[in-house]
Amino acid sequence: MKDDDIFFERTSAGIPVAVETIPGCESSGYMVAVGTGSRDEDGSIMGISHLLEHVVFRETATRDSYRMAKEIEGAGGELNAFTAKEVTAFYGVTIKETKAVARDMVSDIVANPLINAKDVELEKKIVLQEISMVRNNPESYIHDLFGRTIWNGHELSQDEAGEVEIVEGLDDGDLRAYYEERYKAPNLAVFAAGNVDPEVTLAWAEEKFDPLSGGKAVSRKAPARPAAKYDLIERGDEHCYVAMGFPAYHAGHPDRAAVMLLSAILGSGTSSRLFQGVREEKALVYAVYNSIDQNCDAASMATFLSSTKENVVEAVETAASIYGELRDGGLEEGELQRSKNLIKGATVRSMESTERRLYSLTRNTMLTGRPDSFRDRLAAIDSVTEDDVMRVAADLISPDRLNLTVFGERTRELEDFTPDRLLL
């Protein structure tokens, strides 16, 4: 096995195990991913994936939350988790000398949670506060609102945190039933990165997770390709938050790297077209940036900005014109290489973190069915040509696919606004 290759095998029960050993690394990380998230919840249990992610940390058959905290911190590490639209994952990262503690604790919370009524009620209070916090942070909340706009009723429009009224009504019986159905093979996958041994990781996965069989495989339906849509959502403040963008390509699509570069040219960094055109030349916003949200069968590429109510329409019109100028006018000399270096630099820096490397390994495998190495990701970026970027721009940047979400004061100008006036 070469230094930057990835070990990828399956346990006897068929659970995928991906391991990225990093020579000279002083830390070790282990993650167990469950292939279920907010898109896999029906309307009566929206938010259950996120709530369950919290509850399993409360108490297992061998530990309570305080003992967990003491053990992982005593091992020089961190124990954490996240819930996304298509995956819920639990991980532990420690110094290399105490890696066995990370393995033991991750497997304990995934395989042995108690999920009792007392802990569910306590964690519901915390999750409800988290939902409130997100909704009172418009810079974050606009991403959720845009997801509702572009996916328009499809399961991908469902927030990871859930809905307050539904979360309030969930009980330990609901969570236990969801756990028994989803937290079993074939929905499990195991990952490790850093100072880790592939064979030890595979043996650990077989011992701890192969017994968790009999789960129900998640079934998903891809969304239809979204049409143009405009949502004006009232906010009790005159400052406006905006998301505007288009459906893109799913995580396993062959043009994935080309979309990344198109998005970077438009809105990554202070040299990007949107930052220069919307902020530097016209001073319409403080911040403007592009983001790609990829799933296993769908994706979006969007611009996020905020401005005062007086500037918001001009800011949107300017951003739209920049999209059209790139699609119709092509790239500037050196623009593609500059964006390649920007993405590669961010990739290299993130890969110096065991947590980021572990997250990237997990995400790529869960969304595409196969891992890719650090070297693979850099090679994919290098291989993109100007023709690739322009072909993707012509396909994606289309007025009949533009989705626009404005979170701000309901002014007459915004009420009367129609996206078909935008110069795309």
Protein backbone atom coordinates (compact mmCIF):
# COMPACT_ATOMS: atom_id res chain seq x y z
CA MET A 1 0.00 0.00 0.00
CA LYS A 2 1.43 3.40 -1.01
CA ASP A 3 1.53 6.32 1.41
CA ASP A 4 -1.57 8.07 0.11
CA ASP A 5 -3.57 5.04 -0.99
CA ILE A 6 -6.73 4.04 0.84
CA PHE A 7 -7.43 0.61 2.25
CA PHE A 8 -11.00 -0.36 1.35
CA GLU A 9 -12.51 -3.70 2.35
CA ARG A 10 -15.73 -5.13 3.74
CA THR A 11 -16.30 -7.06 6.92
CA SER A 12 -17.73 -10.58 6.89
CA ALA A 13 -21.19 -9.00 7.23
CA GLY A 14 -20.55 -6.66 4.29
CA ILE A 15 -19.90 -3.44 6.20
CA PRO A 16 -17.56 -1.11 4.22
CA VAL A 17 -14.30 -0.19 5.97
CA ALA A 18 -12.11 2.60 4.54
CA VAL A 19 -8.78 3.51 6.13
CA GLU A 20 -6.38 6.30 5.19
CA THR A 21 -3.05 5.90 6.95
CA ILE A 22 -1.06 9.14 7.17
CA PRO A 23 2.69 8.53 7.63
CA GLY A 24 4.18 10.45 10.56
CA CYS A 25 0.78 11.51 11.89
CA GLU A 26 0.59 11.96 15.67
CA SER A 27 -3.19 11.52 15.97
CA SER A 28 -5.69 8.76 15.21
CA GLY A 29 -9.32 9.10 14.21
CA TYR A 30 -12.21 6.64 13.88
CA MET A 31 -15.68 7.31 12.54
CA VAL A 32 -18.80 5.17 12.22
CA ALA A 33 -21.33 6.46 9.70
CA VAL A 34 -25.00 5.51 9.54
CA GLY A 35 -26.58 5.98 6.12
CA THR A 36 -29.60 7.91 7.33
CA GLY A 37 -30.31 11.60 7.75
CA SER A 38 -32.96 14.28 7.48
CA ARG A 39 -34.00 13.33 3.93
CA ASP A 40 -34.85 9.84 5.18
CA GLU A 41 -37.45 10.97 7.71
CA ASP A 42 -41.17 11.01 7.03
CA GLY A 43 -43.26 13.97 8.12
CA SER A 44 -44.19 12.52 11.51
CA ILE A 45 -40.58 12.14 12.73
CA MET A 46 -38.72 15.07 11.14
CA GLY A 47 -35.69 15.78 13.33
CA ILE A 48 -35.38 12.26 14.77
CA SER A 49 -31.95 11.60 13.21
CA HIS A 50 -30.53 14.70 14.85
CA LEU A 51 -32.20 14.05 18.21
CA LEU A 52 -30.97 10.45 18.27
CA GLU A 53 -27.45 11.63 17.46
CA HIS A 54 -27.60 13.66 20.68
CA VAL A 55 -29.24 11.00 22.85
CA VAL A 56 -26.71 8.22 22.24
CA PHE A 57 -24.07 10.37 23.96
CA ARG A 58 -26.12 10.50 27.16
CA GLU A 59 -25.64 6.96 28.38
CA THR A 60 -24.52 3.54 27.16
CA ALA A 61 -24.52 0.14 28.84
CA THR A 62 -21.11 0.96 30.36
CA ARG A 63 -20.80 4.75 30.58
CA ASP A 64 -22.72 7.92 31.33
CA SER A 65 -21.93 11.21 29.58
CA TYR A 66 -19.62 12.45 32.35
CA ARG A 67 -17.52 9.29 32.23
CA MET A 68 -17.36 9.60 28.43
CA ALA A 69 -16.06 13.15 28.76
CA LYS A 70 -13.41 12.20 31.31
CA GLU A 71 -12.18 9.20 29.32
CA ILE A 72 -11.88 10.89 25.95
CA GLU A 73 -10.28 14.04 27.34
CA GLY A 74 -7.97 11.92 29.49
CA ALA A 75 -6.89 10.26 26.26
CA GLY A 76 -6.08 13.65 24.74
CA GLY A 77 -8.98 13.48 22.38
CA GLU A 78 -12.43 14.54 21.30
CA LEU A 79 -15.67 12.59 20.85
CA ASN A 80 -18.28 14.15 18.58
CA ALA A 81 -20.91 13.58 15.89
CA PHE A 82 -22.89 15.27 13.14
CA THR A 83 -26.18 14.83 11.32
CA ALA A 84 -26.51 15.66 7.63
CA LYS A 85 -29.18 15.09 5.02
CA GLU A 86 -27.93 11.61 4.11
CA VAL A 87 -25.69 10.48 6.94
CA THR A 88 -25.34 10.55 10.71
CA ALA A 89 -21.77 9.96 11.92
CA PHE A 90 -19.94 9.49 15.22
CA TYR A 91 -16.21 9.91 15.67
CA GLY A 92 -13.36 9.96 18.14
CA VAL A 93 -9.92 11.46 17.57
CA THR A 94 -7.04 11.06 20.05
CA ILE A 95 -3.27 11.14 20.19
CA LYS A 96 -1.77 8.01 18.64
CA GLU A 97 -0.83 6.48 21.99
CA THR A 98 -4.48 6.27 23.10
CA LYS A 99 -6.14 5.30 19.82
CA ALA A 100 -7.72 2.23 21.41
CA VAL A 101 -9.78 4.57 23.61
CA ALA A 102 -11.18 6.32 20.54
CA ARG A 103 -12.17 2.99 18.98
CA ASP A 104 -13.77 1.72 22.16
CA MET A 105 -15.81 4.83 22.82
CA VAL A 106 -17.08 5.23 19.26
CA SER A 107 -18.23 1.63 19.15
CA ASP A 108 -19.83 1.94 22.57
CA ILE A 109 -22.07 4.89 21.70
CA VAL A 110 -23.10 3.39 18.34
CA ALA A 111 -23.64 -0.22 19.48
CA ASN A 112 -24.75 0.15 23.12
CA PRO A 113 -26.85 3.30 23.71
CA LEU A 114 -29.56 3.06 26.37
CA ILE A 115 -32.00 5.57 24.80
CA ASN A 116 -34.16 5.99 27.90
CA ALA A 117 -37.02 8.42 28.53
CA LYS A 118 -35.08 10.67 30.92
CA ASP A 119 -32.22 11.22 28.50
CA VAL A 120 -34.55 11.83 25.57
CA GLU A 121 -36.38 14.57 27.45
CA LEU A 122 -33.10 16.23 28.47
CA GLU A 123 -31.69 16.18 24.96
CA LYS A 124 -34.92 17.46 23.46
CA LYS A 125 -34.42 20.66 25.47
CA ILE A 126 -30.90 21.04 24.07
CA VAL A 127 -31.94 20.29 20.49
CA LEU A 128 -34.81 22.80 20.69
CA GLN A 129 -32.33 25.43 21.81
CA GLU A 130 -30.07 24.50 18.90
CA ILE A 131 -32.96 24.91 16.45
CA SER A 132 -33.70 28.32 17.95
CA MET A 133 -30.03 29.30 17.72
CA VAL A 134 -29.82 28.35 14.02
CA ARG A 135 -33.00 30.23 13.15
CA ASN A 136 -31.69 33.30 14.91
CA ASN A 137 -28.47 33.17 12.91
CA PRO A 138 -29.56 34.33 9.46
CA GLU A 139 -26.14 33.73 7.89
CA SER A 140 -26.62 30.02 8.63
CA TYR A 141 -30.39 29.82 8.32
CA ILE A 142 -30.41 31.16 4.75
CA HIS A 143 -28.79 27.87 3.66
CA ASP A 144 -31.75 25.92 5.10
CA LEU A 145 -34.22 28.32 3.51
CA PHE A 146 -32.57 28.00 0.12
CA GLY A 147 -32.76 24.21 0.41
CA ARG A 148 -36.50 24.53 0.91
CA THR A 149 -36.79 26.75 -2.15
CA ILE A 150 -34.77 24.71 -4.61
CA TRP A 151 -35.95 21.25 -3.47
CA ASN A 152 -39.53 22.50 -3.05
CA GLY A 153 -41.22 19.77 -1.01
CA HIS A 154 -38.80 16.95 -1.79
CA GLU A 155 -37.19 15.21 1.19
CA LEU A 156 -33.92 17.07 0.51
CA SER A 157 -35.69 20.26 1.59
CA GLN A 158 -35.94 18.98 5.18
CA ASP A 159 -33.64 20.68 7.71
CA GLU A 160 -31.19 18.48 9.58
CA ALA A 161 -32.26 19.90 12.94
CA GLY A 162 -35.95 19.17 12.41
CA GLU A 163 -39.16 21.04 13.20
CA VAL A 164 -39.86 22.25 16.74
CA GLU A 165 -43.40 20.87 17.03
CA ILE A 166 -42.37 17.42 15.77
CA VAL A 167 -39.23 17.18 17.92
CA GLU A 168 -41.27 18.13 20.98
CA GLY A 169 -43.56 15.15 20.37
CA LEU A 170 -40.87 12.47 19.92
CA ASP A 171 -40.30 9.99 22.75
CA ASP A 172 -37.88 7.21 23.65
CA GLY A 173 -40.06 4.62 21.91
CA ASP A 174 -39.81 6.54 18.64
CA LEU A 175 -36.03 6.81 18.94
CA ARG A 176 -35.55 3.18 19.90
CA ALA A 177 -37.63 2.00 16.92
CA TYR A 178 -35.65 4.29 14.58
CA TYR A 179 -32.36 3.04 16.04
CA GLU A 180 -33.33 -0.62 15.60
CA GLU A 181 -34.30 -0.01 11.98
CA ARG A 182 -31.48 2.28 10.83
CA TYR A 183 -28.42 1.74 13.08
CA LYS A 184 -27.71 -1.70 11.69
CA ALA A 185 -26.16 -3.24 8.60
CA PRO A 186 -26.62 -2.58 5.70
CA ASN A 187 -26.66 1.10 6.75
CA LEU A 188 -23.31 1.12 8.61
CA ALA A 189 -19.82 2.04 7.38
CA VAL A 190 -16.53 2.37 9.28
CA PHE A 191 -13.67 4.80 8.65
CA ALA A 192 -10.25 5.60 10.10
CA ALA A 193 -7.58 8.18 9.34
CA GLY A 194 -4.23 9.25 10.71
CA ASN A 195 -1.94 6.95 12.67
CA VAL A 196 -4.17 3.91 12.16
CA ASP A 197 -3.71 0.30 11.12
CA PRO A 198 -6.06 -1.04 8.40
CA GLU A 199 -6.11 -4.62 9.67
CA VAL A 200 -6.75 -3.57 13.26
CA THR A 201 -9.56 -1.31 12.06
CA LEU A 202 -11.13 -4.09 10.00
CA ALA A 203 -10.95 -6.51 12.95
CA TRP A 204 -12.53 -3.87 15.22
CA ALA A 205 -15.34 -3.30 12.75
CA GLU A 206 -16.03 -7.02 12.47
CA GLU A 207 -16.07 -7.52 16.23
CA LYS A 208 -18.17 -4.50 17.17
CA PHE A 209 -20.50 -3.91 14.21
CA ASP A 210 -21.00 -7.20 12.38
CA PRO A 211 -23.39 -8.31 15.16
CA LEU A 212 -25.56 -5.27 14.35
CA SER A 213 -27.43 -6.89 11.49
CA GLY A 214 -31.04 -6.90 10.35
CA GLY A 215 -31.49 -3.22 9.60
CA LYS A 216 -33.77 -1.84 6.93
CA ALA A 217 -31.95 -0.38 3.94
CA VAL A 218 -32.82 3.25 3.27
CA SER A 219 -34.76 3.83 0.07
CA ARG A 220 -34.45 7.20 -1.69
CA LYS A 221 -36.06 8.90 -4.66
CA ALA A 222 -34.07 11.46 -6.59
CA PRO A 223 -35.72 14.89 -6.94
CA ALA A 224 -36.88 16.20 -10.28
CA ARG A 225 -34.56 18.84 -11.70
CA PRO A 226 -35.83 22.08 -10.13
CA ALA A 227 -37.44 24.82 -12.17
CA ALA A 228 -37.06 28.54 -11.43
CA LYS A 229 -38.56 29.69 -8.13
CA TYR A 230 -38.56 32.84 -5.97
CA ASP A 231 -39.29 32.84 -2.23
CA LEU A 232 -39.53 36.01 -0.16
CA ILE A 233 -39.48 35.08 3.53
CA GLU A 234 -40.17 37.83 6.02
CA ARG A 235 -37.62 38.65 8.68
CA GLY A 236 -38.06 41.15 11.48
CA ASP A 237 -35.05 43.24 10.52
CA GLU A 238 -34.24 45.49 7.59
CA HIS A 239 -31.03 43.63 6.74
CA CYS A 240 -31.59 41.06 3.99
CA TYR A 241 -29.98 37.67 3.42
CA VAL A 242 -30.03 36.19 -0.07
CA ALA A 243 -29.32 32.84 -1.70
CA MET A 244 -29.49 32.41 -5.46
CA GLY A 245 -28.39 29.49 -7.57
CA PHE A 246 -29.07 26.48 -9.73
CA PRO A 247 -29.36 22.70 -9.56
CA ALA A 248 -25.95 21.14 -10.19
CA TYR A 249 -24.44 17.63 -10.41
CA HIS A 250 -24.57 14.92 -7.76
CA ALA A 251 -21.49 13.90 -5.77
CA GLY A 252 -20.49 11.05 -8.09
CA HIS A 253 -20.93 12.93 -11.36
CA PRO A 254 -17.89 13.01 -13.69
CA ASP A 255 -18.09 16.83 -13.87
CA ARG A 256 -17.89 17.24 -10.09
CA ALA A 257 -14.47 18.93 -10.24
CA ALA A 258 -15.51 21.21 -13.10
CA VAL A 259 -18.47 22.46 -11.04
CA MET A 260 -16.15 23.14 -8.11
CA LEU A 261 -13.96 25.28 -10.32
CA LEU A 262 -16.90 27.12 -11.88
CA SER A 263 -18.17 27.93 -8.40
CA ALA A 264 -14.71 29.04 -7.26
CA ILE A 265 -14.25 31.36 -10.24
CA LEU A 266 -17.58 32.93 -9.45
CA GLY A 267 -17.39 33.24 -5.71
CA SER A 268 -14.41 31.79 -3.81
CA GLY A 269 -11.96 34.26 -2.34
CA THR A 270 -11.54 38.00 -2.69
CA SER A 271 -10.30 37.76 -6.29
CA SER A 272 -13.50 36.02 -7.42
CA ARG A 273 -15.84 37.68 -9.88
CA LEU A 274 -18.69 38.08 -7.42
CA PHE A 275 -16.55 39.55 -4.64
CA GLN A 276 -14.96 42.01 -7.03
CA GLY A 277 -18.16 42.91 -8.89
CA VAL A 278 -20.70 43.06 -6.07
CA ARG A 279 -18.56 44.25 -3.16
CA GLU A 280 -15.38 45.92 -4.41
CA GLU A 281 -16.78 47.77 -7.46
CA LYS A 282 -20.24 48.64 -6.15
CA ALA A 283 -19.99 48.29 -2.32
CA LEU A 284 -23.41 46.61 -2.20
CA VAL A 285 -22.52 43.94 0.36
CA TYR A 286 -20.02 43.13 3.07
CA ALA A 287 -19.70 39.45 2.15
CA VAL A 288 -20.56 37.40 -0.93
CA TYR A 289 -19.49 33.84 -1.67
CA ASN A 290 -20.41 30.69 -3.56
CA SER A 291 -21.16 27.27 -2.12
CA ILE A 292 -21.91 23.79 -3.51
CA ASP A 293 -24.23 21.41 -1.66
CA GLN A 294 -23.82 17.87 -3.01
CA ASN A 295 -25.88 14.78 -2.27
CA CYS A 296 -25.83 11.25 -3.66
CA ASP A 297 -28.38 12.04 -6.40
CA ALA A 298 -28.70 15.84 -6.56
CA ALA A 299 -26.80 19.05 -5.87
CA SER A 300 -27.00 22.82 -5.98
CA MET A 301 -24.54 25.63 -6.69
CA ALA A 302 -25.50 28.91 -5.05
CA THR A 303 -24.36 32.41 -4.20
CA PHE A 304 -24.94 33.75 -0.69
CA LEU A 305 -24.87 37.45 0.16
CA SER A 306 -26.41 39.93 2.57
CA SER A 307 -27.15 43.63 2.26
CA THR A 308 -29.35 46.43 3.48
CA LYS A 309 -32.87 46.52 2.04
CA GLU A 310 -31.90 49.52 -0.09
CA ASN A 311 -29.17 47.54 -1.87
CA VAL A 312 -30.59 44.04 -2.05
CA VAL A 313 -32.24 44.17 -5.48
CA GLU A 314 -29.22 45.78 -7.13
CA ALA A 315 -26.95 43.24 -5.44
CA VAL A 316 -29.04 40.36 -6.84
CA GLU A 317 -29.13 41.93 -10.30
CA THR A 318 -25.36 42.47 -10.26
CA ALA A 319 -24.68 38.89 -9.18
CA ALA A 320 -26.97 37.56 -11.92
CA SER A 321 -25.23 39.65 -14.56
CA ILE A 322 -21.87 38.25 -13.44
CA TYR A 323 -23.20 34.73 -13.89
CA GLY A 324 -24.29 35.61 -17.43
CA GLU A 325 -21.02 37.35 -18.27
CA LEU A 326 -19.02 34.27 -17.34
CA ARG A 327 -21.30 31.88 -19.24
CA ASP A 328 -21.35 34.03 -22.39
CA GLY A 329 -17.93 35.66 -22.31
CA GLY A 330 -15.60 32.87 -21.21
CA LEU A 331 -12.70 32.91 -18.78
CA GLU A 332 -10.00 35.50 -18.35
CA GLU A 333 -6.35 34.62 -18.86
CA GLY A 334 -5.00 32.82 -15.80
CA GLU A 335 -8.41 32.67 -14.11
CA LEU A 336 -8.75 28.88 -14.21
CA GLN A 337 -5.25 28.21 -12.89
CA ARG A 338 -5.71 30.73 -10.10
CA SER A 339 -8.90 28.99 -9.02
CA LYS A 340 -7.26 25.57 -9.27
CA ASN A 341 -4.50 26.73 -6.94
CA LEU A 342 -7.06 28.24 -4.56
CA ILE A 343 -8.97 24.95 -4.27
CA LYS A 344 -5.82 22.86 -4.07
CA GLY A 345 -4.43 25.11 -1.36
CA ALA A 346 -7.60 24.78 0.72
CA THR A 347 -7.58 21.01 0.13
CA VAL A 348 -3.95 20.64 1.18
CA ARG A 349 -4.47 22.70 4.34
CA SER A 350 -7.58 20.79 5.33
CA MET A 351 -5.84 17.47 4.81
CA GLU A 352 -3.30 18.42 7.48
CA SER A 353 -6.10 17.89 10.00
CA THR A 354 -6.97 14.32 10.97
CA GLU A 355 -10.58 15.37 11.61
CA ARG A 356 -10.92 16.94 8.17
CA ARG A 357 -9.28 13.96 6.48
CA LEU A 358 -11.63 11.60 8.32
CA TYR A 359 -14.66 13.70 7.40
CA SER A 360 -13.64 13.87 3.75
CA LEU A 361 -13.04 10.11 3.58
CA THR A 362 -16.45 9.44 5.13
CA ARG A 363 -18.36 11.95 3.05
CA ASN A 364 -16.95 10.83 -0.29
CA THR A 365 -17.56 7.17 0.46
CA MET A 366 -21.08 7.64 1.78
CA LEU A 367 -22.18 9.87 -1.11
CA THR A 368 -20.51 8.02 -3.98
CA GLY A 369 -20.06 4.47 -2.72
CA ARG A 370 -16.27 4.60 -2.95
CA PRO A 371 -13.44 6.52 -1.26
CA ASP A 372 -10.99 8.71 -3.11
CA SER A 373 -7.54 9.67 -1.94
CA PHE A 374 -5.96 13.05 -1.37
CA ARG A 375 -3.94 12.47 -4.55
CA ASP A 376 -7.11 11.59 -6.51
CA ARG A 377 -8.80 14.84 -5.50
CA LEU A 378 -5.85 16.98 -6.55
CA ALA A 379 -5.55 15.11 -9.86
CA ALA A 380 -9.24 15.65 -10.60
CA ILE A 381 -8.82 19.41 -10.10
CA ASP A 382 -5.72 19.53 -12.31
CA SER A 383 -7.49 17.66 -15.13
CA VAL A 384 -10.25 20.25 -15.62
CA THR A 385 -9.92 22.38 -18.77
CA GLU A 386 -11.42 25.73 -19.73
CA ASP A 387 -13.70 23.88 -22.13
CA ASP A 388 -14.96 21.75 -19.23
CA VAL A 389 -15.79 24.82 -17.14
CA MET A 390 -17.56 26.57 -20.01
CA ARG A 391 -19.54 23.45 -20.94
CA VAL A 392 -20.74 23.14 -17.34
CA ALA A 393 -21.52 26.87 -17.15
CA ALA A 394 -23.66 26.64 -20.28
CA ASP A 395 -25.55 23.70 -18.82
CA LEU A 396 -26.14 25.05 -15.31
CA ILE A 397 -26.52 28.83 -15.63
CA SER A 398 -30.01 29.10 -17.04
CA PRO A 399 -32.85 31.52 -16.17
CA ASP A 400 -35.39 28.72 -16.16
CA ARG A 401 -33.42 26.98 -13.38
CA LEU A 402 -32.60 30.00 -11.20
CA ASN A 403 -33.81 29.66 -7.62
CA LEU A 404 -33.82 32.75 -5.41
CA THR A 405 -34.49 33.05 -1.68
CA VAL A 406 -34.64 36.43 0.07
CA PHE A 407 -34.87 36.50 3.87
CA GLY A 408 -35.67 40.06 4.83
CA GLU A 409 -38.19 42.83 5.20
CA ARG A 410 -41.21 42.50 2.91
CA THR A 411 -40.75 45.73 0.98
CA ARG A 412 -42.83 46.69 -2.04
CA GLU A 413 -39.75 46.39 -4.25
CA LEU A 414 -39.13 42.81 -3.15
CA GLU A 415 -42.80 41.86 -3.36
CA ASP A 416 -42.96 43.11 -6.93
CA PHE A 417 -39.60 41.60 -7.89
CA THR A 418 -39.59 38.90 -10.56
CA PRO A 419 -36.44 36.88 -11.29
CA ASP A 420 -37.16 36.87 -15.02
CA ARG A 421 -35.93 40.47 -15.14
CA LEU A 422 -32.42 39.31 -14.24
CA LEU A 423 -29.78 39.48 -16.97
CA LEU A 424 -28.82 35.84 -17.29
